[in-house]
Amino acid sequence: MSQEDAYVMLLRGRDLLDRGFAHQAAVVLERASLVEPDKTSIREDLARALYRSGRKARAAEEFARVLELDPSNDYAHFGLGLCQLATGNRAQALGHLKIALAMRPDREDYRSTLDRLAG
C-alpha cells in the first residue's frame, strides 16, 4: 500500500467517525496506521475512534504514541487525560488535562473537563 492509500483510508475513517461508526472507523484507521506509522493525524483519529468505541486503554496507547511523535499536540494530551481518567488513573489524567489547557486556554471543553474534576 502507498501513502495515497493511507490518505484515502484516513479520509474514510474520518467520515465513518463523523457519522458515528467508531468501530468501523477504528478498523480502517488501524490499517492506515500500518502504512504510515508515524503520521500523527492518522494515530490521533485512530485514538478518537478507539475511545468512542469503548476501547479506552487502547486509545490511551495511541494518544501516547501521538505525544511521542509530537509532544506539543494539545488534543493528544486531552485525549490521553480522558483515557486515563476512564481507566482509573486520576492523577495522571489531571496532569495531561492541565497540560492541554495550558497549551490551549481558549478551549472550553478542556477547561470544563478540568473544572468538573477539580470541583
C-alpha atoms as a PDB file:
ATOM      1  CA  MET A   1       0.000   0.000   0.000  1.00  0.00           C
ATOM      2  CA  SER A   2       1.096   3.539  -0.661  1.00  0.00           C
ATOM      3  CA  GLN A   3       0.912   6.869   1.136  1.00  0.00           C
ATOM      4  CA  GLU A   4      -2.017   7.729  -1.116  1.00  0.00           C
ATOM      5  CA  ASP A   5      -3.823   4.618   0.087  1.00  0.00           C
ATOM      6  CA  ALA A   6      -3.195   5.669   3.683  1.00  0.00           C
ATOM      7  CA  TYR A   7      -4.616   9.114   2.957  1.00  0.00           C
ATOM      8  CA  VAL A   8      -7.741   7.616   1.379  1.00  0.00           C
ATOM      9  CA  MET A   9      -8.143   5.379   4.438  1.00  0.00           C
ATOM     10  CA  LEU A  10      -7.700   8.408   6.717  1.00  0.00           C
ATOM     11  CA  LEU A  11     -10.484  10.248   4.906  1.00  0.00           C
ATOM     12  CA  ARG A  12     -12.704   7.162   5.008  1.00  0.00           C
ATOM     13  CA  GLY A  13     -12.006   6.683   8.709  1.00  0.00           C
ATOM     14  CA  ARG A  14     -12.834  10.323   9.460  1.00  0.00           C
ATOM     15  CA  ASP A  15     -16.066  10.031   7.520  1.00  0.00           C
ATOM     16  CA  LEU A  16     -17.074   6.924   9.450  1.00  0.00           C
ATOM     17  CA  LEU A  17     -16.156   8.589  12.733  1.00  0.00           C
ATOM     18  CA  ASP A  18     -18.139  11.718  11.858  1.00  0.00           C
ATOM     19  CA  ARG A  19     -21.163   9.561  11.041  1.00  0.00           C
ATOM     20  CA  GLY A  20     -20.954   7.722  14.369  1.00  0.00           C
ATOM     21  CA  PHE A  21     -19.395   4.457  13.214  1.00  0.00           C
ATOM     22  CA  ALA A  22     -16.479   4.446  15.655  1.00  0.00           C
ATOM     23  CA  HIS A  23     -15.690   0.732  15.482  1.00  0.00           C
ATOM     24  CA  GLN A  24     -15.609   0.692  11.684  1.00  0.00           C
ATOM     25  CA  ALA A  25     -13.517   3.865  11.686  1.00  0.00           C
ATOM     26  CA  ALA A  26     -11.023   2.222  14.048  1.00  0.00           C
ATOM     27  CA  VAL A  27     -10.627  -0.747  11.697  1.00  0.00           C
ATOM     28  CA  VAL A  28      -9.924   1.494   8.709  1.00  0.00           C
ATOM     29  CA  LEU A  29      -7.624   3.821  10.636  1.00  0.00           C
ATOM     30  CA  GLU A  30      -5.693   0.899  12.129  1.00  0.00           C
ATOM     31  CA  ARG A  31      -4.876  -0.246   8.587  1.00  0.00           C
ATOM     32  CA  ALA A  32      -3.829   3.286   7.653  1.00  0.00           C
ATOM     33  CA  SER A  33      -1.531   3.437  10.695  1.00  0.00           C
ATOM     34  CA  LEU A  34       0.236   0.287   9.492  1.00  0.00           C
ATOM     35  CA  VAL A  35       1.031   2.022   6.196  1.00  0.00           C
ATOM     36  CA  GLU A  36       2.012   5.339   7.814  1.00  0.00           C
ATOM     37  CA  PRO A  37       3.053   4.513  11.402  1.00  0.00           C
ATOM     38  CA  ASP A  38       4.473   7.966  12.170  1.00  0.00           C
ATOM     39  CA  LYS A  39       1.546  10.069  10.906  1.00  0.00           C
ATOM     40  CA  THR A  40       0.074  11.769  13.936  1.00  0.00           C
ATOM     41  CA  SER A  41      -3.110  12.712  12.089  1.00  0.00           C
ATOM     42  CA  ILE A  42      -3.896   9.047  11.492  1.00  0.00           C
ATOM     43  CA  ARG A  43      -2.986   8.000  15.031  1.00  0.00           C
ATOM     44  CA  GLU A  44      -4.982  10.828  16.610  1.00  0.00           C
ATOM     45  CA  ASP A  45      -8.103   9.882  14.658  1.00  0.00           C
ATOM     46  CA  LEU A  46      -7.496   6.216  15.455  1.00  0.00           C
ATOM     47  CA  ALA A  47      -7.289   7.094  19.155  1.00  0.00           C
ATOM     48  CA  ARG A  48     -10.556   9.040  18.918  1.00  0.00           C
ATOM     49  CA  ALA A  49     -12.257   6.109  17.190  1.00  0.00           C
ATOM     50  CA  LEU A  50     -10.977   3.652  19.777  1.00  0.00           C
ATOM     51  CA  TYR A  51     -12.113   5.906  22.607  1.00  0.00           C
ATOM     52  CA  ARG A  52     -15.584   6.302  21.125  1.00  0.00           C
ATOM     53  CA  SER A  53     -15.891   2.557  20.583  1.00  0.00           C
ATOM     54  CA  GLY A  54     -15.181   1.940  24.275  1.00  0.00           C
ATOM     55  CA  ARG A  55     -11.586   0.768  23.951  1.00  0.00           C
ATOM     56  CA  LYS A  56     -10.167   3.360  26.353  1.00  0.00           C
ATOM     57  CA  ALA A  57      -6.915   1.562  27.253  1.00  0.00           C
ATOM     58  CA  ARG A  58      -6.086   1.002  23.589  1.00  0.00           C
ATOM     59  CA  ALA A  59      -6.981   4.620  22.810  1.00  0.00           C
ATOM     60  CA  ALA A  60      -4.565   5.716  25.541  1.00  0.00           C
ATOM     61  CA  GLU A  61      -1.781   3.812  23.776  1.00  0.00           C
ATOM     62  CA  GLU A  62      -2.474   5.678  20.548  1.00  0.00           C
ATOM     63  CA  PHE A  63      -2.686   9.084  22.219  1.00  0.00           C
ATOM     64  CA  ALA A  64       0.611   8.323  23.974  1.00  0.00           C
ATOM     65  CA  ARG A  65       2.175   7.425  20.623  1.00  0.00           C
ATOM     66  CA  VAL A  66       0.967  10.731  19.167  1.00  0.00           C
ATOM     67  CA  LEU A  67       2.688  12.503  22.072  1.00  0.00           C
ATOM     68  CA  GLU A  68       5.909  10.588  21.420  1.00  0.00           C
ATOM     69  CA  LEU A  69       5.816  11.874  17.855  1.00  0.00           C
ATOM     70  CA  ASP A  70       4.559  15.380  18.706  1.00  0.00           C
ATOM     71  CA  PRO A  71       4.749  16.413  22.388  1.00  0.00           C
ATOM     72  CA  SER A  72       3.082  19.732  21.539  1.00  0.00           C
ATOM     73  CA  ASN A  73      -0.209  18.118  20.470  1.00  0.00           C
ATOM     74  CA  ASP A  74      -2.699  19.586  22.939  1.00  0.00           C
ATOM     75  CA  TYR A  75      -5.558  17.333  21.804  1.00  0.00           C
ATOM     76  CA  ALA A  76      -3.455  14.213  22.403  1.00  0.00           C
ATOM     77  CA  HIS A  77      -2.816  15.401  25.977  1.00  0.00           C
ATOM     78  CA  PHE A  78      -6.548  15.969  26.402  1.00  0.00           C
ATOM     79  CA  GLY A  79      -7.441  12.592  24.919  1.00  0.00           C
ATOM     80  CA  LEU A  80      -4.830  10.763  26.973  1.00  0.00           C
ATOM     81  CA  GLY A  81      -6.151  12.503  30.068  1.00  0.00           C
ATOM     82  CA  LEU A  82      -9.693  11.340  29.309  1.00  0.00           C
ATOM     83  CA  CYS A  83      -8.475   7.796  28.705  1.00  0.00           C
ATOM     84  CA  GLN A  84      -6.510   7.735  31.939  1.00  0.00           C
ATOM     85  CA  LEU A  85      -9.498   9.084  33.806  1.00  0.00           C
ATOM     86  CA  ALA A  86     -11.693   6.349  32.324  1.00  0.00           C
ATOM     87  CA  THR A  87      -9.189   3.666  33.337  1.00  0.00           C
ATOM     88  CA  GLY A  88      -8.814   4.955  36.898  1.00  0.00           C
ATOM     89  CA  ASN A  89      -5.566   6.899  36.668  1.00  0.00           C
ATOM     90  CA  ARG A  90      -6.909  10.181  38.049  1.00  0.00           C
ATOM     91  CA  ALA A  91      -3.547  11.754  38.975  1.00  0.00           C
ATOM     92  CA  GLN A  92      -2.045  11.127  35.546  1.00  0.00           C
ATOM     93  CA  ALA A  93      -5.280  12.255  33.912  1.00  0.00           C
ATOM     94  CA  LEU A  94      -5.184  15.574  35.744  1.00  0.00           C
ATOM     95  CA  GLY A  95      -1.612  16.147  34.622  1.00  0.00           C
ATOM     96  CA  HIS A  96      -2.416  15.703  30.942  1.00  0.00           C
ATOM     97  CA  LEU A  97      -5.630  17.702  31.178  1.00  0.00           C
ATOM     98  CA  LYS A  98      -3.748  20.591  32.816  1.00  0.00           C
ATOM     99  CA  ILE A  99      -1.107  20.483  30.087  1.00  0.00           C
ATOM    100  CA  ALA A 100      -3.794  20.545  27.385  1.00  0.00           C
ATOM    101  CA  LEU A 101      -5.482  23.555  28.971  1.00  0.00           C
ATOM    102  CA  ALA A 102      -2.175  25.369  29.455  1.00  0.00           C
ATOM    103  CA  MET A 103      -1.402  24.848  25.778  1.00  0.00           C
ATOM    104  CA  ARG A 104      -4.867  25.952  24.617  1.00  0.00           C
ATOM    105  CA  PRO A 105      -6.551  28.083  27.294  1.00  0.00           C
ATOM    106  CA  ASP A 106      -9.213  29.049  24.738  1.00  0.00           C
ATOM    107  CA  ARG A 107     -10.643  25.503  24.619  1.00  0.00           C
ATOM    108  CA  GLU A 108     -13.778  25.469  26.742  1.00  0.00           C
ATOM    109  CA  ASP A 109     -14.041  21.660  26.600  1.00  0.00           C
ATOM    110  CA  TYR A 110     -10.588  21.375  28.182  1.00  0.00           C
ATOM    111  CA  ARG A 111     -11.499  23.883  30.889  1.00  0.00           C
ATOM    112  CA  SER A 112     -14.899  22.375  31.711  1.00  0.00           C
ATOM    113  CA  THR A 113     -13.456  18.854  31.957  1.00  0.00           C
ATOM    114  CA  LEU A 114     -10.765  20.030  34.344  1.00  0.00           C
ATOM    115  CA  ASP A 115     -13.260  22.080  36.343  1.00  0.00           C
ATOM    116  CA  ARG A 116     -15.511  19.026  36.765  1.00  0.00           C
ATOM    117  CA  LEU A 117     -12.594  17.013  38.132  1.00  0.00           C
ATOM    118  CA  ALA A 118     -11.390  19.735  40.451  1.00  0.00           C
ATOM    119  CA  GLY A 119     -14.861  20.504  41.802  1.00  0.00           C
END
